[in-house]
Amino acid sequence: MATNRSRRLRKKLCVDEFQELGFEVSLTYRDGLEAKAVDAFLEAFLNEAIEINGLGYIGGEDYGFVCLASRGSVNEEQRGKVEAWLKGRNELSEFNVSPLMDVWYPENEINAKA
């Protein structure tokens, strides 16, 4: 694809100055945790860590992707808040929060302007 794109096309493709960032989350629950406890954890996660910070979560109970609820990029502060919330939970035996990455083209590097 051509690299000399119009502003309109760059915006439509979410590239260059329109790059959008998010991060991956993987969750491992404690052994023996009941399904109701997992459901309650996910409900709390969505309400207390995701929605309150203006974020959206796409995924399931053990893996997902976090992005901004509206058009734009997640920042390090929002990512840190989600990570801090997860650290305080006893339902998890471990979790992983990835560094910020391009939402649309994960293989691309993050632009300095994003």
PDB file of N, CA and C in Angstrom:
ATOM      1  N   MET A   1       0.845  -1.176   0.000  1.00  0.00           N
ATOM      2  CA  MET A   1       0.000   0.000   0.000  1.00  0.00           C
ATOM      3  C   MET A   1       0.893   1.243   0.000  1.00  0.00           C
ATOM      4  N   ALA A   2       0.463   2.256  -0.647  1.00  0.00           N
ATOM      5  CA  ALA A   2       1.235   3.492  -0.750  1.00  0.00           C
ATOM      6  C   ALA A   2       1.434   4.125   0.627  1.00  0.00           C
ATOM      7  N   THR A   3       2.575   4.762   0.810  1.00  0.00           N
ATOM      8  CA  THR A   3       2.841   5.412   2.097  1.00  0.00           C
ATOM      9  C   THR A   3       2.523   6.900   2.054  1.00  0.00           C
ATOM     10  N   ASN A   4       2.311   7.447   0.872  1.00  0.00           N
ATOM     11  CA  ASN A   4       1.960   8.854   0.734  1.00  0.00           C
ATOM     12  C   ASN A   4       0.430   8.955   0.662  1.00  0.00           C
ATOM     13  N   ARG A   5      -0.209   8.950   1.831  1.00  0.00           N
ATOM     14  CA  ARG A   5      -1.670   8.922   1.897  1.00  0.00           C
ATOM     15  C   ARG A   5      -2.212  10.292   2.292  1.00  0.00           C
ATOM     16  N   SER A   6      -3.416  10.563   1.848  1.00  0.00           N
ATOM     17  CA  SER A   6      -4.085  11.800   2.248  1.00  0.00           C
ATOM     18  C   SER A   6      -4.480  11.721   3.717  1.00  0.00           C
ATOM     19  N   ARG A   7      -4.734  12.852   4.327  1.00  0.00           N
ATOM     20  CA  ARG A   7      -5.153  12.910   5.728  1.00  0.00           C
ATOM     21  C   ARG A   7      -6.432  12.100   5.939  1.00  0.00           C
ATOM     22  N   ARG A   8      -7.369  12.237   5.020  1.00  0.00           N
ATOM     23  CA  ARG A   8      -8.632  11.511   5.114  1.00  0.00           C
ATOM     24  C   ARG A   8      -8.409  10.007   5.123  1.00  0.00           C
ATOM     25  N   LEU A   9      -7.533   9.521   4.269  1.00  0.00           N
ATOM     26  CA  LEU A   9      -7.258   8.093   4.203  1.00  0.00           C
ATOM     27  C   LEU A   9      -6.493   7.618   5.444  1.00  0.00           C
ATOM     28  N   ARG A  10      -5.549   8.413   5.929  1.00  0.00           N
ATOM     29  CA  ARG A  10      -4.828   8.053   7.154  1.00  0.00           C
ATOM     30  C   ARG A  10      -5.798   7.928   8.322  1.00  0.00           C
ATOM     31  N   LYS A  11      -6.779   8.832   8.389  1.00  0.00           N
ATOM     32  CA  LYS A  11      -7.771   8.771   9.462  1.00  0.00           C
ATOM     33  C   LYS A  11      -8.644   7.535   9.313  1.00  0.00           C
ATOM     34  N   LYS A  12      -9.073   7.245   8.108  1.00  0.00           N
ATOM     35  CA  LYS A  12      -9.931   6.087   7.852  1.00  0.00           C
ATOM     36  C   LYS A  12      -9.199   4.783   8.184  1.00  0.00           C
ATOM     37  N   LEU A  13      -7.896   4.726   7.909  1.00  0.00           N
ATOM     38  CA  LEU A  13      -7.101   3.526   8.166  1.00  0.00           C
ATOM     39  C   LEU A  13      -6.535   3.467   9.585  1.00  0.00           C
ATOM     40  N   CYS A  14      -6.719   4.547  10.358  1.00  0.00           N
ATOM     41  CA  CYS A  14      -6.195   4.620  11.737  1.00  0.00           C
ATOM     42  C   CYS A  14      -4.679   4.426  11.762  1.00  0.00           C
ATOM     43  N   VAL A  15      -3.986   5.146  10.910  1.00  0.00           N
ATOM     44  CA  VAL A  15      -2.521   5.078  10.858  1.00  0.00           C
ATOM     45  C   VAL A  15      -1.915   6.452  11.085  1.00  0.00           C
ATOM     46  N   ASP A  16      -0.586   6.451  11.265  1.00  0.00           N
ATOM     47  CA  ASP A  16       0.184   7.670  11.479  1.00  0.00           C
ATOM     48  C   ASP A  16      -0.366   8.451  12.666  1.00  0.00           C
ATOM     49  N   GLU A  17      -0.760   9.697  12.488  1.00  0.00           N
ATOM     50  CA  GLU A  17      -1.236  10.500  13.621  1.00  0.00           C
ATOM     51  C   GLU A  17      -2.587  10.047  14.156  1.00  0.00           C
ATOM     52  N   PHE A  18      -3.268   9.125  13.451  1.00  0.00           N
ATOM     53  CA  PHE A  18      -4.572   8.606  13.879  1.00  0.00           C
ATOM     54  C   PHE A  18      -4.469   7.199  14.472  1.00  0.00           C
ATOM     55  N   GLN A  19      -3.258   6.745  14.752  1.00  0.00           N
ATOM     56  CA  GLN A  19      -3.046   5.436  15.356  1.00  0.00           C
ATOM     57  C   GLN A  19      -3.767   5.377  16.710  1.00  0.00           C
ATOM     58  N   GLU A  20      -4.397   4.253  16.997  1.00  0.00           N
ATOM     59  CA  GLU A  20      -5.110   4.060  18.255  1.00  0.00           C
ATOM     60  C   GLU A  20      -4.430   2.953  19.049  1.00  0.00           C
ATOM     61  N   LEU A  21      -4.246   3.193  20.362  1.00  0.00           N
ATOM     62  CA  LEU A  21      -3.535   2.247  21.214  1.00  0.00           C
ATOM     63  C   LEU A  21      -4.455   1.577  22.214  1.00  0.00           C
ATOM     64  N   GLY A  22      -4.123   0.361  22.571  1.00  0.00           N
ATOM     65  CA  GLY A  22      -4.825  -0.407  23.588  1.00  0.00           C
ATOM     66  C   GLY A  22      -3.856  -1.412  24.173  1.00  0.00           C
ATOM     67  N   PHE A  23      -4.369  -2.382  24.939  1.00  0.00           N
ATOM     68  CA  PHE A  23      -3.494  -3.401  25.510  1.00  0.00           C
ATOM     69  C   PHE A  23      -4.263  -4.691  25.759  1.00  0.00           C
ATOM     70  N   GLU A  24      -3.506  -5.782  25.815  1.00  0.00           N
ATOM     71  CA  GLU A  24      -4.072  -7.099  26.059  1.00  0.00           C
ATOM     72  C   GLU A  24      -4.057  -7.402  27.555  1.00  0.00           C
ATOM     73  N   VAL A  25      -5.029  -8.200  27.987  1.00  0.00           N
ATOM     74  CA  VAL A  25      -5.106  -8.655  29.370  1.00  0.00           C
ATOM     75  C   VAL A  25      -5.344 -10.162  29.341  1.00  0.00           C
ATOM     76  N   SER A  26      -4.516 -10.901  30.080  1.00  0.00           N
ATOM     77  CA  SER A  26      -4.772 -12.339  30.250  1.00  0.00           C
ATOM     78  C   SER A  26      -4.899 -12.615  31.740  1.00  0.00           C
ATOM     79  N   LEU A  27      -5.889 -13.421  32.083  1.00  0.00           N
ATOM     80  CA  LEU A  27      -6.234 -13.686  33.484  1.00  0.00           C
ATOM     81  C   LEU A  27      -6.186 -15.181  33.767  1.00  0.00           C
ATOM     82  N   THR A  28      -5.589 -15.548  34.889  1.00  0.00           N
ATOM     83  CA  THR A  28      -5.580 -16.929  35.354  1.00  0.00           C
ATOM     84  C   THR A  28      -6.195 -16.932  36.748  1.00  0.00           C
ATOM     85  N   TYR A  29      -7.267 -17.681  36.906  1.00  0.00           N
ATOM     86  CA  TYR A  29      -7.997 -17.713  38.170  1.00  0.00           C
ATOM     87  C   TYR A  29      -7.399 -18.748  39.120  1.00  0.00           C
ATOM     88  N   ARG A  30      -7.630 -18.537  40.400  1.00  0.00           N
ATOM     89  CA  ARG A  30      -7.204 -19.505  41.413  1.00  0.00           C
ATOM     90  C   ARG A  30      -7.877 -20.844  41.150  1.00  0.00           C
ATOM     91  N   ASP A  31      -7.202 -21.903  41.488  1.00  0.00           N
ATOM     92  CA  ASP A  31      -7.789 -23.244  41.353  1.00  0.00           C
ATOM     93  C   ASP A  31      -9.015 -23.355  42.246  1.00  0.00           C
ATOM     94  N   GLY A  32     -10.043 -23.978  41.724  1.00  0.00           N
ATOM     95  CA  GLY A  32     -11.245 -24.223  42.507  1.00  0.00           C
ATOM     96  C   GLY A  32     -12.207 -23.046  42.598  1.00  0.00           C
ATOM     97  N   LEU A  33     -11.934 -21.960  41.899  1.00  0.00           N
ATOM     98  CA  LEU A  33     -12.834 -20.805  41.938  1.00  0.00           C
ATOM     99  C   LEU A  33     -14.129 -21.157  41.208  1.00  0.00           C
ATOM    100  N   GLU A  34     -15.246 -20.943  41.867  1.00  0.00           N
ATOM    101  CA  GLU A  34     -16.545 -21.295  41.285  1.00  0.00           C
ATOM    102  C   GLU A  34     -16.932 -20.353  40.148  1.00  0.00           C
ATOM    103  N   ALA A  35     -17.794 -20.826  39.276  1.00  0.00           N
ATOM    104  CA  ALA A  35     -18.238 -20.042  38.124  1.00  0.00           C
ATOM    105  C   ALA A  35     -18.918 -18.746  38.560  1.00  0.00           C
ATOM    106  N   LYS A  36     -19.672 -18.790  39.662  1.00  0.00           N
ATOM    107  CA  LYS A  36     -20.346 -17.575  40.157  1.00  0.00           C
ATOM    108  C   LYS A  36     -19.325 -16.529  40.586  1.00  0.00           C
ATOM    109  N   ALA A  37     -18.228 -16.965  41.181  1.00  0.00           N
ATOM    110  CA  ALA A  37     -17.178 -16.040  41.614  1.00  0.00           C
ATOM    111  C   ALA A  37     -16.477 -15.420  40.405  1.00  0.00           C
ATOM    112  N   VAL A  38     -16.282 -16.222  39.345  1.00  0.00           N
ATOM    113  CA  VAL A  38     -15.685 -15.694  38.109  1.00  0.00           C
ATOM    114  C   VAL A  38     -16.618 -14.658  37.494  1.00  0.00           C
ATOM    115  N   ASP A  39     -17.913 -14.959  37.449  1.00  0.00           N
ATOM    116  CA  ASP A  39     -18.891 -14.006  36.905  1.00  0.00           C
ATOM    117  C   ASP A  39     -18.912 -12.709  37.716  1.00  0.00           C
ATOM    118  N   ALA A  40     -18.866 -12.818  39.031  1.00  0.00           N
ATOM    119  CA  ALA A  40     -18.849 -11.632  39.893  1.00  0.00           C
ATOM    120  C   ALA A  40     -17.564 -10.831  39.680  1.00  0.00           C
ATOM    121  N   PHE A  41     -16.444 -11.527  39.515  1.00  0.00           N
ATOM    122  CA  PHE A  41     -15.176 -10.847  39.241  1.00  0.00           C
ATOM    123  C   PHE A  41     -15.263 -10.068  37.937  1.00  0.00           C
ATOM    124  N   LEU A  42     -15.764 -10.715  36.886  1.00  0.00           N
ATOM    125  CA  LEU A  42     -15.862 -10.050  35.581  1.00  0.00           C
ATOM    126  C   LEU A  42     -16.785  -8.837  35.629  1.00  0.00           C
ATOM    127  N   GLU A  43     -17.880  -8.958  36.344  1.00  0.00           N
ATOM    128  CA  GLU A  43     -18.807  -7.830  36.495  1.00  0.00           C
ATOM    129  C   GLU A  43     -18.106  -6.665  37.185  1.00  0.00           C
ATOM    130  N   ALA A  44     -17.383  -6.966  38.258  1.00  0.00           N
ATOM    131  CA  ALA A  44     -16.643  -5.923  38.980  1.00  0.00           C
ATOM    132  C   ALA A  44     -15.536  -5.344  38.106  1.00  0.00           C
ATOM    133  N   PHE A  45     -14.841  -6.192  37.361  1.00  0.00           N
ATOM    134  CA  PHE A  45     -13.770  -5.744  36.462  1.00  0.00           C
ATOM    135  C   PHE A  45     -14.301  -4.756  35.439  1.00  0.00           C
ATOM    136  N   LEU A  46     -15.405  -5.110  34.819  1.00  0.00           N
ATOM    137  CA  LEU A  46     -15.984  -4.222  33.802  1.00  0.00           C
ATOM    138  C   LEU A  46     -16.462  -2.903  34.399  1.00  0.00           C
ATOM    139  N   ASN A  47     -17.089  -2.955  35.574  1.00  0.00           N
ATOM    140  CA  ASN A  47     -17.624  -1.740  36.194  1.00  0.00           C
ATOM    141  C   ASN A  47     -16.550  -0.879  36.849  1.00  0.00           C
ATOM    142  N   GLU A  48     -15.646  -1.497  37.612  1.00  0.00           N
ATOM    143  CA  GLU A  48     -14.714  -0.760  38.452  1.00  0.00           C
ATOM    144  C   GLU A  48     -13.370  -0.451  37.803  1.00  0.00           C
ATOM    145  N   ALA A  49     -12.981  -1.217  36.799  1.00  0.00           N
ATOM    146  CA  ALA A  49     -11.681  -0.989  36.168  1.00  0.00           C
ATOM    147  C   ALA A  49     -11.800  -0.502  34.731  1.00  0.00           C
ATOM    148  N   ILE A  50     -12.814  -0.948  34.022  1.00  0.00           N
ATOM    149  CA  ILE A  50     -12.920  -0.636  32.597  1.00  0.00           C
ATOM    150  C   ILE A  50     -13.810   0.582  32.357  1.00  0.00           C
ATOM    151  N   GLU A  51     -15.087   0.470  32.637  1.00  0.00           N
ATOM    152  CA  GLU A  51     -16.031   1.543  32.308  1.00  0.00           C
ATOM    153  C   GLU A  51     -15.734   2.844  33.044  1.00  0.00           C
ATOM    154  N   ILE A  52     -15.329   2.757  34.302  1.00  0.00           N
ATOM    155  CA  ILE A  52     -15.064   3.962  35.090  1.00  0.00           C
ATOM    156  C   ILE A  52     -13.892   4.770  34.519  1.00  0.00           C
ATOM    157  N   ASN A  53     -13.002   4.099  33.778  1.00  0.00           N
ATOM    158  CA  ASN A  53     -11.850   4.767  33.175  1.00  0.00           C
ATOM    159  C   ASN A  53     -12.076   5.112  31.700  1.00  0.00           C
ATOM    160  N   GLY A  54     -13.321   4.993  31.237  1.00  0.00           N
ATOM    161  CA  GLY A  54     -13.643   5.342  29.852  1.00  0.00           C
ATOM    162  C   GLY A  54     -13.125   4.342  28.839  1.00  0.00           C
ATOM    163  N   LEU A  55     -12.980   3.083  29.268  1.00  0.00           N
ATOM    164  CA  LEU A  55     -12.412   2.052  28.408  1.00  0.00           C
ATOM    165  C   LEU A  55     -13.469   1.059  27.971  1.00  0.00           C
ATOM    166  N   GLY A  56     -13.113   0.241  27.002  1.00  0.00           N
ATOM    167  CA  GLY A  56     -13.955  -0.855  26.549  1.00  0.00           C
ATOM    168  C   GLY A  56     -13.154  -2.143  26.586  1.00  0.00           C
ATOM    169  N   TYR A  57     -13.830  -3.269  26.828  1.00  0.00           N
ATOM    170  CA  TYR A  57     -13.176  -4.574  26.902  1.00  0.00           C
ATOM    171  C   TYR A  57     -13.798  -5.498  25.880  1.00  0.00           C
ATOM    172  N   ILE A  58     -12.944  -6.132  25.085  1.00  0.00           N
ATOM    173  CA  ILE A  58     -13.395  -7.082  24.084  1.00  0.00           C
ATOM    174  C   ILE A  58     -12.711  -8.401  24.406  1.00  0.00           C
ATOM    175  N   GLY A  59     -13.482  -9.408  24.723  1.00  0.00           N
ATOM    176  CA  GLY A  59     -12.862 -10.688  25.028  1.00  0.00           C
ATOM    177  C   GLY A  59     -13.747 -11.531  25.910  1.00  0.00           C
ATOM    178  N   GLY A  60     -13.111 -12.464  26.601  1.00  0.00           N
ATOM    179  CA  GLY A  60     -13.831 -13.400  27.443  1.00  0.00           C
ATOM    180  C   GLY A  60     -13.345 -13.345  28.873  1.00  0.00           C
ATOM    181  N   GLU A  61     -13.565 -14.450  29.591  1.00  0.00           N
ATOM    182  CA  GLU A  61     -13.239 -14.454  31.010  1.00  0.00           C
ATOM    183  C   GLU A  61     -11.758 -14.658  31.294  1.00  0.00           C
ATOM    184  N   ASP A  62     -10.984 -15.113  30.304  1.00  0.00           N
ATOM    185  CA  ASP A  62      -9.560 -15.330  30.577  1.00  0.00           C
ATOM    186  C   ASP A  62      -8.615 -14.519  29.694  1.00  0.00           C
ATOM    187  N   TYR A  63      -9.117 -13.910  28.644  1.00  0.00           N
ATOM    188  CA  TYR A  63      -8.271 -13.110  27.755  1.00  0.00           C
ATOM    189  C   TYR A  63      -9.125 -12.054  27.065  1.00  0.00           C
ATOM    190  N   GLY A  64      -8.561 -10.859  26.903  1.00  0.00           N
ATOM    191  CA  GLY A  64      -9.280  -9.825  26.186  1.00  0.00           C
ATOM    192  C   GLY A  64      -8.375  -8.674  25.813  1.00  0.00           C
ATOM    193  N   PHE A  65      -8.958  -7.727  25.134  1.00  0.00           N
ATOM    194  CA  PHE A  65      -8.249  -6.542  24.675  1.00  0.00           C
ATOM    195  C   PHE A  65      -8.973  -5.318  25.219  1.00  0.00           C
ATOM    196  N   VAL A  66      -8.209  -4.368  25.735  1.00  0.00           N
ATOM    197  CA  VAL A  66      -8.772  -3.145  26.302  1.00  0.00           C
ATOM    198  C   VAL A  66      -8.419  -1.991  25.371  1.00  0.00           C
ATOM    199  N   CYS A  67      -9.438  -1.230  24.986  1.00  0.00           N
ATOM    200  CA  CYS A  67      -9.235  -0.054  24.153  1.00  0.00           C
ATOM    201  C   CYS A  67     -10.113   1.074  24.695  1.00  0.00           C
ATOM    202  N   LEU A  68      -9.989   2.236  24.119  1.00  0.00           N
ATOM    203  CA  LEU A  68     -10.808   3.355  24.550  1.00  0.00           C
ATOM    204  C   LEU A  68     -12.247   3.122  24.113  1.00  0.00           C
ATOM    205  N   ALA A  69     -13.198   3.497  24.948  1.00  0.00           N
ATOM    206  CA  ALA A  69     -14.612   3.286  24.635  1.00  0.00           C
ATOM    207  C   ALA A  69     -15.048   4.133  23.444  1.00  0.00           C
ATOM    208  N   SER A  70     -14.396   5.277  23.238  1.00  0.00           N
ATOM    209  CA  SER A  70     -14.668   6.113  22.076  1.00  0.00           C
ATOM    210  C   SER A  70     -13.439   6.072  21.176  1.00  0.00           C
ATOM    211  N   ARG A  71     -13.463   6.808  20.117  1.00  0.00           N
ATOM    212  CA  ARG A  71     -12.316   6.832  19.213  1.00  0.00           C
ATOM    213  C   ARG A  71     -11.125   7.479  19.907  1.00  0.00           C
ATOM    214  N   GLY A  72      -9.955   6.870  19.789  1.00  0.00           N
ATOM    215  CA  GLY A  72      -8.749   7.418  20.393  1.00  0.00           C
ATOM    216  C   GLY A  72      -7.908   6.330  21.020  1.00  0.00           C
ATOM    217  N   SER A  73      -6.949   6.739  21.838  1.00  0.00           N
ATOM    218  CA  SER A  73      -5.981   5.815  22.408  1.00  0.00           C
ATOM    219  C   SER A  73      -6.053   5.754  23.926  1.00  0.00           C
ATOM    220  N   VAL A  74      -5.789   4.570  24.444  1.00  0.00           N
ATOM    221  CA  VAL A  74      -5.588   4.383  25.875  1.00  0.00           C
ATOM    222  C   VAL A  74      -4.237   5.000  26.217  1.00  0.00           C
ATOM    223  N   ASN A  75      -4.134   5.626  27.382  1.00  0.00           N
ATOM    224  CA  ASN A  75      -2.835   6.158  27.797  1.00  0.00           C
ATOM    225  C   ASN A  75      -2.246   5.290  28.903  1.00  0.00           C
ATOM    226  N   GLU A  76      -0.996   5.550  29.241  1.00  0.00           N
ATOM    227  CA  GLU A  76      -0.303   4.750  30.267  1.00  0.00           C
ATOM    228  C   GLU A  76      -0.988   4.847  31.626  1.00  0.00           C
ATOM    229  N   GLU A  77      -1.556   6.007  31.929  1.00  0.00           N
ATOM    230  CA  GLU A  77      -2.247   6.171  33.215  1.00  0.00           C
ATOM    231  C   GLU A  77      -3.444   5.226  33.309  1.00  0.00           C
ATOM    232  N   GLN A  78      -4.249   5.150  32.251  1.00  0.00           N
ATOM    233  CA  GLN A  78      -5.407   4.253  32.237  1.00  0.00           C
ATOM    234  C   GLN A  78      -4.967   2.796  32.316  1.00  0.00           C
ATOM    235  N   ARG A  79      -3.913   2.458  31.596  1.00  0.00           N
ATOM    236  CA  ARG A  79      -3.377   1.100  31.636  1.00  0.00           C
ATOM    237  C   ARG A  79      -2.915   0.763  33.058  1.00  0.00           C
ATOM    238  N   GLY A  80      -2.242   1.699  33.695  1.00  0.00           N
ATOM    239  CA  GLY A  80      -1.770   1.506  35.064  1.00  0.00           C
ATOM    240  C   GLY A  80      -2.898   1.320  36.061  1.00  0.00           C
ATOM    241  N   LYS A  81      -4.010   2.042  35.872  1.00  0.00           N
ATOM    242  CA  LYS A  81      -5.164   1.899  36.755  1.00  0.00           C
ATOM    243  C   LYS A  81      -5.772   0.503  36.656  1.00  0.00           C
ATOM    244  N   VAL A  82      -5.859  -0.026  35.442  1.00  0.00           N
ATOM    245  CA  VAL A  82      -6.389  -1.376  35.255  1.00  0.00           C
ATOM    246  C   VAL A  82      -5.451  -2.389  35.900  1.00  0.00           C
ATOM    247  N   GLU A  83      -4.162  -2.229  35.688  1.00  0.00           N
ATOM    248  CA  GLU A  83      -3.184  -3.145  36.273  1.00  0.00           C
ATOM    249  C   GLU A  83      -3.230  -3.097  37.801  1.00  0.00           C
ATOM    250  N   ALA A  84      -3.326  -1.896  38.375  1.00  0.00           N
ATOM    251  CA  ALA A  84      -3.400  -1.748  39.829  1.00  0.00           C
ATOM    252  C   ALA A  84      -4.669  -2.405  40.379  1.00  0.00           C
ATOM    253  N   TRP A  85      -5.785  -2.258  39.664  1.00  0.00           N
ATOM    254  CA  TRP A  85      -7.037  -2.881  40.106  1.00  0.00           C
ATOM    255  C   TRP A  85      -6.883  -4.400  40.128  1.00  0.00           C
ATOM    256  N   LEU A  86      -6.274  -4.960  39.089  1.00  0.00           N
ATOM    257  CA  LEU A  86      -6.090  -6.410  39.021  1.00  0.00           C
ATOM    258  C   LEU A  86      -5.171  -6.916  40.129  1.00  0.00           C
ATOM    259  N   LYS A  87      -4.164  -6.131  40.496  1.00  0.00           N
ATOM    260  CA  LYS A  87      -3.235  -6.535  41.563  1.00  0.00           C
ATOM    261  C   LYS A  87      -3.949  -6.711  42.897  1.00  0.00           C
ATOM    262  N   GLY A  88      -5.013  -5.977  43.112  1.00  0.00           N
ATOM    263  CA  GLY A  88      -5.730  -6.039  44.374  1.00  0.00           C
ATOM    264  C   GLY A  88      -6.776  -7.139  44.463  1.00  0.00           C
ATOM    265  N   ARG A  89      -6.849  -8.003  43.485  1.00  0.00           N
ATOM    266  CA  ARG A  89      -7.901  -9.023  43.454  1.00  0.00           C
ATOM    267  C   ARG A  89      -7.368 -10.383  43.871  1.00  0.00           C
ATOM    268  N   ASN A  90      -8.080 -11.050  44.780  1.00  0.00           N
ATOM    269  CA  ASN A  90      -7.640 -12.364  45.245  1.00  0.00           C
ATOM    270  C   ASN A  90      -8.220 -13.519  44.422  1.00  0.00           C
ATOM    271  N   GLU A  91      -9.086 -13.225  43.459  1.00  0.00           N
ATOM    272  CA  GLU A  91      -9.640 -14.275  42.603  1.00  0.00           C
ATOM    273  C   GLU A  91      -8.600 -14.807  41.605  1.00  0.00           C
ATOM    274  N   LEU A  92      -7.558 -14.012  41.363  1.00  0.00           N
ATOM    275  CA  LEU A  92      -6.571 -14.358  40.343  1.00  0.00           C
ATOM    276  C   LEU A  92      -5.330 -14.983  40.955  1.00  0.00           C
ATOM    277  N   SER A  93      -4.819 -16.020  40.289  1.00  0.00           N
ATOM    278  CA  SER A  93      -3.522 -16.558  40.694  1.00  0.00           C
ATOM    279  C   SER A  93      -2.420 -15.802  39.968  1.00  0.00           C
ATOM    280  N   GLU A  94      -2.717 -15.335  38.768  1.00  0.00           N
ATOM    281  CA  GLU A  94      -1.798 -14.472  38.026  1.00  0.00           C
ATOM    282  C   GLU A  94      -2.547 -13.763  36.910  1.00  0.00           C
ATOM    283  N   PHE A  95      -1.925 -12.707  36.410  1.00  0.00           N
ATOM    284  CA  PHE A  95      -2.487 -11.969  35.279  1.00  0.00           C
ATOM    285  C   PHE A  95      -1.344 -11.305  34.525  1.00  0.00           C
ATOM    286  N   ASN A  96      -1.622 -10.916  33.289  1.00  0.00           N
ATOM    287  CA  ASN A  96      -0.633 -10.216  32.483  1.00  0.00           C
ATOM    288  C   ASN A  96      -1.325  -9.070  31.760  1.00  0.00           C
ATOM    289  N   VAL A  97      -0.723  -7.904  31.859  1.00  0.00           N
ATOM    290  CA  VAL A  97      -1.192  -6.720  31.134  1.00  0.00           C
ATOM    291  C   VAL A  97      -0.072  -6.338  30.177  1.00  0.00           C
ATOM    292  N   SER A  98      -0.357  -6.380  28.883  1.00  0.00           N
ATOM    293  CA  SER A  98       0.679  -6.107  27.888  1.00  0.00           C
ATOM    294  C   SER A  98       1.004  -4.616  27.841  1.00  0.00           C
ATOM    295  N   PRO A  99       2.139  -4.266  27.247  1.00  0.00           N
ATOM    296  CA  PRO A  99       2.410  -2.854  26.977  1.00  0.00           C
ATOM    297  C   PRO A  99       1.388  -2.320  25.968  1.00  0.00           C
ATOM    298  N   LEU A 100       1.295  -1.013  25.844  1.00  0.00           N
ATOM    299  CA  LEU A 100       0.393  -0.427  24.848  1.00  0.00           C
ATOM    300  C   LEU A 100       0.812  -0.887  23.460  1.00  0.00           C
ATOM    301  N   MET A 101      -0.194  -1.121  22.618  1.00  0.00           N
ATOM    302  CA  MET A 101       0.061  -1.578  21.255  1.00  0.00           C
ATOM    303  C   MET A 101      -1.001  -1.019  20.312  1.00  0.00           C
ATOM    304  N   ASP A 102      -0.701  -1.036  19.029  1.00  0.00           N
ATOM    305  CA  ASP A 102      -1.623  -0.554  18.006  1.00  0.00           C
ATOM    306  C   ASP A 102      -2.853  -1.464  17.983  1.00  0.00           C
ATOM    307  N   VAL A 103      -4.034  -0.864  18.123  1.00  0.00           N
ATOM    308  CA  VAL A 103      -5.291  -1.617  18.165  1.00  0.00           C
ATOM    309  C   VAL A 103      -5.591  -2.264  16.816  1.00  0.00           C
ATOM    310  N   TRP A 104      -5.381  -1.536  15.743  1.00  0.00           N
ATOM    311  CA  TRP A 104      -5.764  -2.017  14.420  1.00  0.00           C
ATOM    312  C   TRP A 104      -4.680  -2.841  13.751  1.00  0.00           C
ATOM    313  N   TYR A 105      -3.425  -2.521  14.013  1.00  0.00           N
ATOM    314  CA  TYR A 105      -2.299  -3.210  13.385  1.00  0.00           C
ATOM    315  C   TYR A 105      -1.283  -3.576  14.469  1.00  0.00           C
ATOM    316  N   PRO A 106      -1.543  -4.637  15.250  1.00  0.00           N
ATOM    317  CA  PRO A 106      -0.684  -4.975  16.386  1.00  0.00           C
ATOM    318  C   PRO A 106       0.781  -5.179  16.035  1.00  0.00           C
ATOM    319  N   GLU A 107       1.067  -5.535  14.798  1.00  0.00           N
ATOM    320  CA  GLU A 107       2.451  -5.770  14.385  1.00  0.00           C
ATOM    321  C   GLU A 107       3.221  -4.455  14.166  1.00  0.00           C
ATOM    322  N   ASN A 108       2.511  -3.335  14.059  1.00  0.00           N
ATOM    323  CA  ASN A 108       3.161  -2.030  13.846  1.00  0.00           C
ATOM    324  C   ASN A 108       3.701  -1.463  15.147  1.00  0.00           C
ATOM    325  N   GLU A 109       4.768  -0.694  15.039  1.00  0.00           N
ATOM    326  CA  GLU A 109       5.331  -0.013  16.182  1.00  0.00           C
ATOM    327  C   GLU A 109       4.442   1.170  16.557  1.00  0.00           C
ATOM    328  N   ILE A 110       4.585   1.611  17.799  1.00  0.00           N
ATOM    329  CA  ILE A 110       3.814   2.765  18.265  1.00  0.00           C
ATOM    330  C   ILE A 110       4.487   4.038  17.771  1.00  0.00           C
ATOM    331  N   ASN A 111       3.679   4.927  17.195  1.00  0.00           N
ATOM    332  CA  ASN A 111       4.190   6.225  16.752  1.00  0.00           C
ATOM    333  C   ASN A 111       4.468   7.109  17.952  1.00  0.00           C
ATOM    334  N   ALA A 112       5.414   7.985  17.829  1.00  0.00           N
ATOM    335  CA  ALA A 112       5.737   8.927  18.903  1.00  0.00           C
ATOM    336  C   ALA A 112       4.557   9.858  19.182  1.00  0.00           C
ATOM    337  N   LYS A 113       3.747  10.146  18.158  1.00  0.00           N
ATOM    338  CA  LYS A 113       2.619  11.080  18.302  1.00  0.00           C
ATOM    339  C   LYS A 113       1.394  10.421  18.921  1.00  0.00           C
ATOM    340  N   ALA A 114       1.331   9.098  18.917  1.00  0.00           N
ATOM    341  CA  ALA A 114       0.125   8.399  19.380  1.00  0.00           C
ATOM    342  C   ALA A 114      -0.065   8.506  20.859  1.00  0.00           C
TER     343      ALA A 114
END
